[in-house]
Amino acid sequence: MANIPTPHITAKEGDFARTVLMPGDPLRSKFIAENFLEDARLVNNVRGVQGYTGFYAGKRVSVMASGMGMPSIGIYSYELFNFYGVENIIRIGSAGMLSEKLKVRDIVAGMTAFTDSAYGRQFGFDGTIAPCCDYALLTKAMQAAEKFGQHMVPGAIYSSDCFYDESQPLGKLKNLGVLAVEMEAAALYMNAARAGKSALAICTISDNPFTGEGLSAEERQNSFTGMMKIALEIA
């Protein structure tokens, strides 16, 4: 393909599987490759954003980090969808709980992603874009969660452009029934829609922004195996 390699991905044509799991953290990508994939091969390491392709239960699967925030996942998901022929991207990340029905280490699936980002303006629509996941992927993920005895809650999530947000919108979003806050899903869903591809965000609750309860960076990196297994099952 004429557009590869890109400034951000040095992989060659065919290096990525049809489905890519996309954690934010490059070390989580490495953890998945080393602990779940057979014959995993490093296909990208530009800026330390590690991408691997290997096999899980006989299926060819790739995993590559997205970095933090919508501009970052926007670049990587765009290139994977449009240049590398990837059909499905499953974000496996962490999120802060908003709903009181959740607790730390619960798993949520983003049916739709509220956002404060201007990312959608590039598509030329003057109204409000409401990006949503792929229904088939969501259905398979819910079935996989049940198979593994994992309680996964589907619903709206919020993709924020700001980690330290002085406008403090979380209480208002909580009142609207939004489950959790993260920073990537909305851009991923928009890129998937524009490319005619499929995407789903599965997130493990890592912290409670209202109380300050949370997990360490190492715990977020290595212990979110429940959502990893769900994503690998549907890859």
Protein backbone atom coordinates (compact mmCIF):
# COMPACT_ATOMS: atom_id res chain seq x y z
CA MET A 1 0.00 0.00 0.00
CA ALA A 2 1.30 3.42 -0.99
CA ASN A 3 0.48 5.01 2.36
CA ILE A 4 2.58 2.62 4.46
CA PRO A 5 4.73 2.77 6.41
CA THR A 6 3.39 5.95 8.00
CA PRO A 7 5.23 8.48 10.18
CA HIS A 8 3.71 6.68 13.19
CA ILE A 9 3.65 3.00 12.21
CA THR A 10 6.54 1.17 10.55
CA ALA A 11 4.68 -2.12 10.04
CA LYS A 12 4.56 -3.58 6.54
CA GLU A 13 1.48 -4.52 4.54
CA GLY A 14 -0.13 -7.60 6.11
CA ASP A 15 1.61 -7.20 9.46
CA PHE A 16 -1.67 -6.47 11.28
CA ALA A 17 -4.53 -8.90 11.74
CA ARG A 18 -8.11 -7.92 10.85
CA THR A 19 -8.78 -7.23 14.53
CA VAL A 20 -6.54 -5.05 16.71
CA LEU A 21 -6.86 -4.78 20.48
CA MET A 22 -5.89 -1.28 21.54
CA PRO A 23 -4.93 -0.46 25.14
CA GLY A 24 -3.71 3.01 25.89
CA ASP A 25 -0.52 1.90 27.62
CA PRO A 26 2.32 0.40 25.50
CA LEU A 27 3.31 -1.75 28.47
CA ARG A 28 -0.21 -3.21 28.58
CA SER A 29 0.21 -4.07 24.90
CA LYS A 30 3.46 -5.84 25.73
CA PHE A 31 1.81 -7.63 28.67
CA ILE A 32 -0.99 -8.99 26.45
CA ALA A 33 1.46 -10.14 23.78
CA GLU A 34 3.66 -11.93 26.29
CA ASN A 35 0.89 -13.52 28.33
CA PHE A 36 -1.90 -14.30 25.86
CA LEU A 37 -0.51 -14.50 22.32
CA GLU A 38 1.46 -17.33 20.74
CA ASP A 39 4.31 -16.52 18.34
CA ALA A 40 3.86 -12.81 19.02
CA ARG A 41 5.99 -10.61 16.79
CA LEU A 42 6.75 -6.92 17.32
CA VAL A 43 5.53 -5.06 14.22
CA ASN A 44 5.73 -1.47 15.45
CA ASN A 45 7.74 0.40 18.06
CA VAL A 46 7.76 3.99 16.81
CA ARG A 47 7.84 6.31 19.85
CA GLY A 48 7.62 3.21 22.02
CA VAL A 49 4.03 2.55 20.90
CA GLN A 50 4.36 -1.19 20.77
CA GLY A 51 2.33 -3.24 18.32
CA TYR A 52 2.39 -7.04 18.15
CA THR A 53 0.76 -9.69 16.00
CA GLY A 54 0.37 -13.29 17.11
CA PHE A 55 -2.22 -15.99 17.66
CA TYR A 56 -4.88 -16.54 20.32
CA ALA A 57 -6.78 -19.84 20.26
CA GLY A 58 -5.71 -20.28 16.66
CA LYS A 59 -6.91 -16.82 15.59
CA ARG A 60 -4.50 -14.21 14.26
CA VAL A 61 -4.78 -11.14 16.49
CA SER A 62 -2.88 -7.88 16.83
CA VAL A 63 -2.49 -5.61 19.83
CA MET A 64 -1.12 -2.07 19.70
CA ALA A 65 -1.18 0.84 22.12
CA SER A 66 -3.07 4.03 21.33
CA GLY A 67 -1.36 6.43 23.71
CA MET A 68 -3.47 8.87 25.74
CA GLY A 69 -6.28 11.02 24.42
CA MET A 70 -8.36 11.37 21.29
CA PRO A 71 -5.69 13.01 19.11
CA SER A 72 -3.43 10.00 19.71
CA ILE A 73 -5.96 7.21 19.19
CA GLY A 74 -7.34 9.27 16.31
CA ILE A 75 -4.02 8.97 14.44
CA TYR A 76 -3.42 5.28 15.12
CA SER A 77 -6.97 4.09 14.49
CA TYR A 78 -7.21 6.16 11.29
CA GLU A 79 -4.04 4.63 9.90
CA LEU A 80 -4.99 1.09 10.91
CA PHE A 81 -8.49 1.37 9.40
CA ASN A 82 -7.56 3.24 6.23
CA PHE A 83 -4.02 2.14 5.39
CA TYR A 84 -3.49 -1.29 6.98
CA GLY A 85 -6.84 -2.91 6.19
CA VAL A 86 -7.83 -3.44 9.82
CA GLU A 87 -11.57 -4.16 10.15
CA ASN A 88 -12.12 -4.12 13.92
CA ILE A 89 -10.49 -2.16 16.74
CA ILE A 90 -11.36 -3.04 20.32
CA ARG A 91 -10.20 -0.49 22.85
CA ILE A 92 -9.29 -2.11 26.17
CA GLY A 93 -8.63 0.69 28.60
CA SER A 94 -9.21 2.09 32.03
CA ALA A 95 -11.96 4.47 33.09
CA GLY A 96 -13.11 6.45 36.08
CA MET A 97 -16.48 5.44 37.50
CA LEU A 98 -19.37 7.89 37.48
CA SER A 99 -22.30 5.58 38.19
CA GLU A 100 -22.83 4.61 41.82
CA LYS A 101 -23.82 1.17 40.59
CA LEU A 102 -20.19 0.47 39.69
CA LYS A 103 -17.10 -0.25 41.74
CA VAL A 104 -13.37 -0.40 41.06
CA ARG A 105 -12.45 -3.32 38.75
CA ASP A 106 -15.93 -3.55 37.22
CA ILE A 107 -16.03 -3.68 33.41
CA VAL A 108 -18.09 -1.39 31.18
CA ALA A 109 -18.79 -1.51 27.45
CA GLY A 110 -19.33 1.81 25.73
CA MET A 111 -22.55 1.64 23.72
CA THR A 112 -22.09 5.32 22.92
CA ALA A 113 -19.55 7.97 23.84
CA PHE A 114 -20.45 11.46 25.01
CA THR A 115 -17.60 13.90 24.41
CA ASP A 116 -16.49 17.51 24.83
CA SER A 117 -14.04 17.13 21.94
CA ALA A 118 -14.10 19.05 18.66
CA TYR A 119 -12.87 15.90 16.88
CA GLY A 120 -16.17 15.43 15.03
CA ARG A 121 -16.12 18.88 13.40
CA GLN A 122 -13.73 17.65 10.72
CA PHE A 123 -16.54 15.59 9.19
CA GLY A 124 -18.49 18.71 8.22
CA PHE A 125 -21.68 18.11 10.19
CA ASP A 126 -22.97 21.22 11.98
CA GLY A 127 -24.99 19.32 14.59
CA THR A 128 -23.84 17.06 17.40
CA ILE A 129 -22.31 13.75 16.38
CA ALA A 130 -23.31 10.87 18.68
CA PRO A 131 -20.70 8.16 18.06
CA CYS A 132 -21.62 4.61 18.98
CA CYS A 133 -20.01 1.19 19.00
CA ASP A 134 -20.55 -1.68 16.57
CA TYR A 135 -23.60 -3.68 17.69
CA ALA A 136 -22.22 -7.04 16.54
CA LEU A 137 -19.02 -6.55 18.54
CA LEU A 138 -21.00 -5.43 21.58
CA THR A 139 -23.27 -8.48 21.37
CA LYS A 140 -20.31 -10.84 21.10
CA ALA A 141 -18.56 -9.10 23.99
CA MET A 142 -21.60 -9.43 26.25
CA GLN A 143 -21.79 -13.14 25.39
CA ALA A 144 -18.07 -13.58 26.07
CA ALA A 145 -18.38 -11.80 29.41
CA GLU A 146 -21.16 -14.18 30.42
CA LYS A 147 -19.07 -17.16 29.30
CA PHE A 148 -16.18 -16.07 31.51
CA GLY A 149 -18.40 -15.15 34.46
CA GLN A 150 -17.50 -11.47 34.11
CA HIS A 151 -20.09 -8.84 34.98
CA MET A 152 -19.89 -6.26 32.19
CA VAL A 153 -22.22 -3.26 32.14
CA PRO A 154 -23.17 -1.71 28.76
CA GLY A 155 -24.09 1.95 28.53
CA ALA A 156 -22.92 5.47 27.75
CA ILE A 157 -19.38 6.54 28.57
CA TYR A 158 -17.77 9.98 28.39
CA SER A 159 -14.62 10.70 26.36
CA SER A 160 -12.98 13.78 27.80
CA ASP A 161 -10.36 15.99 26.16
CA CYS A 162 -9.09 17.04 29.61
CA PHE A 163 -7.83 14.88 32.45
CA TYR A 164 -7.67 17.90 34.75
CA ASP A 165 -10.96 19.61 33.84
CA GLU A 166 -11.72 22.77 35.80
CA SER A 167 -15.27 22.92 34.42
CA GLN A 168 -16.06 19.82 36.53
CA PRO A 169 -18.69 18.17 34.28
CA LEU A 170 -18.68 14.73 35.89
CA GLY A 171 -21.52 15.31 38.33
CA LYS A 172 -23.78 16.50 35.51
CA LEU A 173 -22.88 13.49 33.37
CA LYS A 174 -23.50 11.16 36.30
CA ASN A 175 -27.01 12.60 36.54
CA LEU A 176 -27.52 11.75 32.85
CA GLY A 177 -26.73 8.10 33.50
CA VAL A 178 -23.22 8.08 32.02
CA LEU A 179 -21.31 5.11 33.42
CA ALA A 180 -17.69 6.21 33.32
CA VAL A 181 -15.15 8.70 32.00
CA GLU A 182 -12.18 7.94 29.74
CA MET A 183 -10.34 9.79 26.96
CA GLU A 184 -10.36 7.84 23.70
CA ALA A 185 -13.56 6.05 22.68
CA ALA A 186 -15.40 8.87 20.89
CA ALA A 187 -12.60 9.47 18.37
CA LEU A 188 -12.25 5.73 17.78
CA TYR A 189 -15.99 5.38 17.11
CA MET A 190 -16.01 8.35 14.72
CA ASN A 191 -13.05 7.02 12.75
CA ALA A 192 -14.68 3.60 12.53
CA ALA A 193 -17.94 5.13 11.27
CA ARG A 194 -16.15 7.23 8.65
CA ALA A 195 -14.10 4.25 7.43
CA GLY A 196 -17.07 1.86 7.42
CA LYS A 197 -15.30 -0.32 9.99
CA SER A 198 -16.18 -1.62 13.48
CA ALA A 199 -15.10 -0.51 16.95
CA LEU A 200 -15.89 -1.19 20.59
CA ALA A 201 -14.50 0.24 23.83
CA ILE A 202 -14.28 -2.09 26.82
CA CYS A 203 -12.96 -0.41 29.95
CA THR A 204 -12.14 -1.57 33.45
CA ILE A 205 -12.93 0.86 36.25
CA SER A 206 -9.60 1.97 37.70
CA ASP A 207 -10.67 4.79 39.98
CA ASN A 208 -13.47 6.86 41.47
CA PRO A 209 -12.92 10.56 40.70
CA PHE A 210 -15.42 11.59 43.38
CA THR A 211 -13.75 9.76 46.27
CA GLY A 212 -10.13 9.47 45.08
CA GLU A 213 -10.16 5.68 45.34
CA GLY A 214 -7.97 4.13 42.66
CA LEU A 215 -5.47 1.53 41.51
CA SER A 216 -1.75 1.97 40.91
CA ALA A 217 -0.22 2.29 37.43
CA GLU A 218 1.22 -1.24 37.76
CA GLU A 219 -2.17 -2.67 38.73
CA ARG A 220 -3.80 -0.99 35.72
CA GLN A 221 -1.06 -2.33 33.47
CA ASN A 222 -1.06 -5.97 34.56
CA SER A 223 -4.26 -6.92 36.37
CA PHE A 224 -7.09 -6.08 33.97
CA THR A 225 -7.12 -9.58 32.55
CA GLY A 226 -10.93 -9.94 32.56
CA MET A 227 -11.48 -7.38 29.82
CA MET A 228 -8.43 -8.70 27.95
CA LYS A 229 -9.96 -12.18 27.78
CA ILE A 230 -13.29 -10.78 26.59
CA ALA A 231 -11.62 -8.82 23.82
CA LEU A 232 -9.45 -11.74 22.73
CA GLU A 233 -12.48 -14.03 22.67
CA ILE A 234 -14.29 -11.83 20.15
CA ALA A 235 -11.24 -10.87 18.06
